[in-house]
Structures are given as structure tokens and as C-alpha cells.
């Protein structure tokens, strides 16, 4: 898969400081000849994420990174949505426990999630990923890709790969949690992989 001439850029700033996301996105973008540069290396601080939807937050982050660097920017806003919790933790996935007075960590977030699901028969959940690519800070037609990855929340963690809620996110069709998948396997089926394929499809189709 190659990026068409309509996107003549080899360097894109990644509007994130999350090491896990950088690993995943770099693995997905490197075959396209695109180098992702984390915004922290260019002196860009994190943007505010004031919105209640994934797409608005992703766009906010992409425009901020592009404005600060003059480069095209890729931003991702992603999280876990649980049906019986009304879609929570949603856009607050990374801050789920800290917003409830706990520490800001994956372990605290997972502990809170499991506690809230105690006694619930319905454990269905899905990961959401929204990718936004802007060619400039004021790009009027950003490219947007969306991916949904369905699974169930389990009480005990399994697997040492991945990050975030991955050890508790069970995939019935694979019989494994997201954290038990090899990185290459996860990169082929994850919500981010789905969002990236959709975004690149728009690029290759000339959509603007």
C-alpha cells in the first residue's frame, strides 16, 4: 500500500506523547514511507481535549500540532465504550480513575472499570478510534477515519502486550484478550488499524 501523489509528505507530526500509540502507528505508517515524529520531539505540548466526542478532540489535537510545527499532523482520539455504563469511559478513558478521585494509571482505570461491572451480565464493549489527518492547521477538509473493535470486558487480566484496557478486553472470535495478541496481529485488526485503512482509502480515492 502506498500513499498517492496527492499526499506528497514523508514526515507527519503525531499529535500524541503516548508511547504505545507511537509504536502502533509507526508500525502502520512505516510501510508507506511516512515517518511519524512525536510532537514532544518538536517542543509541542499536549492540546486541550475539551470536547465530548472523539472526532472533535482528534481534530483539536491535529490542528494544534500542525499549527505549532508547520507540518501535516495526525491525531487519534480513542477510548473504550461500555454499553451498560452508558458509553463510559468514552472520551475520558485515559482519565477514568483520576476523574473519580483515583490516580491516573492504566491499573487504576482497569480496577475502576471492573468494579463498576461487578454483577453485570452484559459485558459487551467496544474500542473506538478516530483518526484525523490535516495537511495544514487550517485544512478545511481533514481526512477522517473511524474504527470500532467489539469485545467483552473480563474480570482478570490476560496477556502482556498492548496497553490501556487491552488485558481486560476479550475478543470472543479469537479467544484472546487484546493484550494476548502479537503486535502484528493486533495491528491488523484493531480499531486503529480499521480507522487507518478507512483514512488511507479516502486518501487513495482522492477524497477531500
Protein backbone atom coordinates (compact mmCIF):
# COMPACT_ATOMS: atom_id res chain seq x y z
CA UNK A 1 0.00 0.00 0.00
CA UNK A 2 1.41 3.38 -0.97
CA UNK A 3 0.32 6.93 -0.38
CA UNK A 4 -0.66 8.63 -3.65
CA UNK A 5 0.97 11.70 -5.13
CA UNK A 6 -1.87 13.78 -3.72
CA UNK A 7 -0.20 13.41 -0.34
CA UNK A 8 3.46 14.28 -1.05
CA UNK A 9 4.66 14.23 2.54
CA UNK A 10 7.23 11.94 4.14
CA UNK A 11 7.09 13.48 7.60
CA UNK A 12 3.97 13.84 9.69
CA UNK A 13 3.82 15.01 13.28
CA UNK A 14 1.95 12.65 15.59
CA UNK A 15 -0.17 14.68 17.97
CA UNK A 16 0.43 12.41 20.93
CA UNK A 17 3.03 11.64 23.54
CA UNK A 18 1.67 8.16 24.23
CA UNK A 19 4.50 5.66 23.68
CA UNK A 20 2.08 2.80 22.98
CA UNK A 21 0.29 4.73 20.26
CA UNK A 22 3.60 5.81 18.73
CA UNK A 23 4.69 2.17 18.46
CA UNK A 24 1.43 1.09 16.87
CA UNK A 25 1.15 3.98 14.43
CA UNK A 26 4.81 3.82 13.43
CA UNK A 27 4.37 0.14 12.57
CA UNK A 28 1.36 1.01 10.43
CA UNK A 29 2.85 4.05 8.70
CA UNK A 30 6.43 2.96 8.06
CA UNK A 31 5.49 0.68 5.11
CA UNK A 32 4.02 3.78 3.46
CA UNK A 33 7.31 5.66 3.60
CA UNK A 34 5.96 8.12 6.15
CA UNK A 35 7.96 8.97 9.26
CA UNK A 36 5.89 9.88 12.29
CA UNK A 37 7.53 12.42 14.57
CA UNK A 38 6.06 12.62 18.08
CA UNK A 39 5.06 16.16 18.88
CA UNK A 40 7.16 16.21 22.04
CA UNK A 41 10.35 15.96 19.97
CA UNK A 42 9.32 19.20 18.26
CA UNK A 43 8.52 21.00 21.51
CA UNK A 44 4.76 20.79 21.15
CA UNK A 45 2.77 20.50 24.37
CA UNK A 46 -0.41 18.47 24.58
CA UNK A 47 -3.53 20.21 23.31
CA UNK A 48 -6.62 20.60 25.42
CA UNK A 49 -9.31 17.98 24.87
CA UNK A 50 -12.44 19.87 25.88
CA UNK A 51 -14.98 18.06 23.74
CA UNK A 52 -17.36 15.21 24.47
CA UNK A 53 -16.83 13.40 21.16
CA UNK A 54 -13.80 11.56 19.83
CA UNK A 55 -13.80 13.30 16.45
CA UNK A 56 -13.82 16.82 17.91
CA UNK A 57 -10.95 16.04 20.26
CA UNK A 58 -8.89 14.42 17.50
CA UNK A 59 -9.39 17.44 15.26
CA UNK A 60 -8.42 19.80 18.09
CA UNK A 61 -5.16 17.89 18.63
CA UNK A 62 -4.29 17.65 14.93
CA UNK A 63 -4.79 21.36 14.26
CA UNK A 64 -2.79 22.28 17.35
CA UNK A 65 0.20 20.12 16.34
CA UNK A 66 0.15 21.34 12.75
CA UNK A 67 -0.12 24.97 13.82
CA UNK A 68 2.88 24.62 16.12
CA UNK A 69 5.11 22.77 13.64
CA UNK A 70 4.02 23.74 10.14
CA UNK A 71 3.84 20.04 9.27
CA UNK A 72 0.90 17.82 8.39
CA UNK A 73 -0.43 16.27 11.56
CA UNK A 74 -2.10 13.03 12.52
CA UNK A 75 -4.16 12.84 15.67
CA UNK A 76 -6.01 10.00 17.26
CA UNK A 77 -8.68 10.13 19.87
CA UNK A 78 -9.66 6.73 21.08
CA UNK A 79 -11.19 5.01 24.03
CA UNK A 80 -13.36 2.27 25.38
CA UNK A 81 -17.15 2.43 25.42
CA UNK A 82 -19.17 0.07 27.61
CA UNK A 83 -22.87 -0.25 26.88
CA UNK A 84 -24.20 -0.81 30.40
CA UNK A 85 -22.18 2.18 31.60
CA UNK A 86 -23.86 4.49 29.13
CA UNK A 87 -20.82 4.55 26.87
CA UNK A 88 -18.36 5.32 29.65
CA UNK A 89 -15.46 5.71 30.00
CA UNK A 90 -15.61 7.03 26.42
CA UNK A 91 -13.50 10.12 25.71
CA UNK A 92 -12.40 10.04 29.35
CA UNK A 93 -10.85 6.56 29.07
CA UNK A 94 -7.32 7.72 29.95
CA UNK A 95 -8.62 9.74 32.92
CA UNK A 96 -11.35 7.39 34.08
CA UNK A 97 -9.99 6.76 37.57
CA UNK A 98 -8.46 10.19 38.15
CA UNK A 99 -11.80 11.86 37.45
CA UNK A 100 -13.24 9.72 40.24
CA UNK A 101 -10.52 10.79 42.67
CA UNK A 102 -8.05 8.00 41.98
CA UNK A 103 -4.65 8.00 40.35
CA UNK A 104 -4.09 8.41 36.64
CA UNK A 105 -2.85 4.99 35.54
CA UNK A 106 -3.89 2.02 33.45
CA UNK A 107 -4.08 -0.13 36.58
CA UNK A 108 -6.41 2.30 38.35
CA UNK A 109 -8.59 2.70 35.26
CA UNK A 110 -8.97 -1.05 34.87
CA UNK A 111 -9.70 -1.59 38.55
CA UNK A 112 -12.46 1.02 38.43
CA UNK A 113 -13.94 -0.47 35.27
CA UNK A 114 -14.06 -3.98 36.71
CA UNK A 115 -15.62 -2.71 39.93
CA UNK A 116 -18.35 -0.87 38.04
CA UNK A 117 -19.18 -4.03 36.10
CA UNK A 118 -19.45 -6.23 39.17
CA UNK A 119 -22.62 -8.32 38.93
CA UNK A 120 -23.39 -7.19 35.38
CA UNK A 121 -24.31 -9.93 32.93
CA UNK A 122 -23.77 -7.74 29.88
CA UNK A 123 -20.03 -7.17 29.49
CA UNK A 124 -20.09 -6.03 25.86
CA UNK A 125 -17.83 -3.14 24.98
CA UNK A 126 -16.07 -1.66 22.02
CA UNK A 127 -12.94 0.31 21.37
CA UNK A 128 -13.35 3.43 19.24
CA UNK A 129 -10.60 5.11 17.22
CA UNK A 130 -10.96 8.37 15.34
CA UNK A 131 -8.02 9.39 13.18
CA UNK A 132 -7.77 12.87 11.77
CA UNK A 133 -5.13 13.91 9.25
CA UNK A 134 -4.69 17.58 8.38
CA UNK A 135 -2.31 18.87 5.74
CA UNK A 136 -2.20 22.23 7.48
CA UNK A 137 -3.63 23.77 10.64
CA UNK A 138 -6.48 25.37 8.71
CA UNK A 139 -7.21 22.43 6.40
CA UNK A 140 -10.93 22.86 5.64
CA UNK A 141 -11.41 19.20 4.66
CA UNK A 142 -9.46 16.97 7.06
CA UNK A 143 -9.33 13.29 6.33
CA UNK A 144 -11.13 11.23 8.95
CA UNK A 145 -11.08 7.51 9.61
CA UNK A 146 -13.16 5.66 12.19
CA UNK A 147 -12.72 2.16 13.57
CA UNK A 148 -14.77 0.10 16.02
CA UNK A 149 -13.47 -3.06 17.69
CA UNK A 150 -16.05 -5.11 19.57
CA UNK A 151 -15.36 -7.35 22.54
CA UNK A 152 -16.20 -8.04 26.17
CA UNK A 153 -14.70 -6.98 29.49
CA UNK A 154 -13.33 -9.78 31.68
CA UNK A 155 -12.57 -9.62 35.41
CA UNK A 156 -8.97 -10.87 35.32
CA UNK A 157 -6.20 -9.52 33.11
CA UNK A 158 -4.66 -11.73 30.45
CA UNK A 159 -1.62 -11.05 28.31
CA UNK A 160 1.43 -8.81 28.48
CA UNK A 161 1.16 -6.93 25.20
CA UNK A 162 -0.78 -3.79 24.41
CA UNK A 163 -1.66 -1.06 26.87
CA UNK A 164 -4.65 0.65 28.44
CA UNK A 165 -7.63 -1.69 28.80
CA UNK A 166 -6.15 -4.34 26.48
CA UNK A 167 -5.59 -7.04 29.17
CA UNK A 168 -9.30 -6.92 30.05
CA UNK A 169 -10.67 -6.57 26.52
CA UNK A 170 -11.63 -10.09 25.42
CA UNK A 171 -12.25 -10.96 21.78
CA UNK A 172 -14.64 -13.93 21.61
CA UNK A 173 -13.93 -14.72 17.96
CA UNK A 174 -10.20 -15.04 18.72
CA UNK A 175 -10.47 -16.49 22.23
CA UNK A 176 -7.89 -13.97 23.47
CA UNK A 177 -7.68 -10.56 25.01
CA UNK A 178 -6.17 -7.69 23.03
CA UNK A 179 -3.09 -7.96 25.26
CA UNK A 180 -2.58 -11.60 24.26
CA UNK A 181 -2.35 -10.76 20.57
CA UNK A 182 1.04 -10.43 18.92
CA UNK A 183 1.70 -6.82 17.90
CA UNK A 184 1.45 -7.63 14.19
CA UNK A 185 -1.86 -9.40 14.73
CA UNK A 186 -3.27 -6.52 16.75
CA UNK A 187 -2.09 -4.01 14.15
CA UNK A 188 -4.06 -5.91 11.52
CA UNK A 189 -7.43 -5.98 13.32
CA UNK A 190 -7.53 -3.23 15.94
CA UNK A 191 -9.78 -0.18 15.97
CA UNK A 192 -6.79 1.96 14.98
CA UNK A 193 -5.96 -0.35 12.07
CA UNK A 194 -9.56 -0.13 10.87
CA UNK A 195 -9.54 3.65 11.17
CA UNK A 196 -6.24 3.88 9.31
CA UNK A 197 -7.49 1.71 6.45
CA UNK A 198 -10.55 3.92 6.12
CA UNK A 199 -8.43 7.08 6.19
CA UNK A 200 -5.98 5.75 3.60
CA UNK A 201 -8.85 4.60 1.42
CA UNK A 202 -10.06 8.18 1.32
CA UNK A 203 -6.57 9.39 0.51
CA UNK A 204 -6.13 6.93 -2.34
CA UNK A 205 -9.59 7.71 -3.66
CA UNK A 206 -8.76 11.40 -3.75
CA UNK A 207 -11.41 12.27 -1.15
CA UNK A 208 -11.02 15.69 0.44
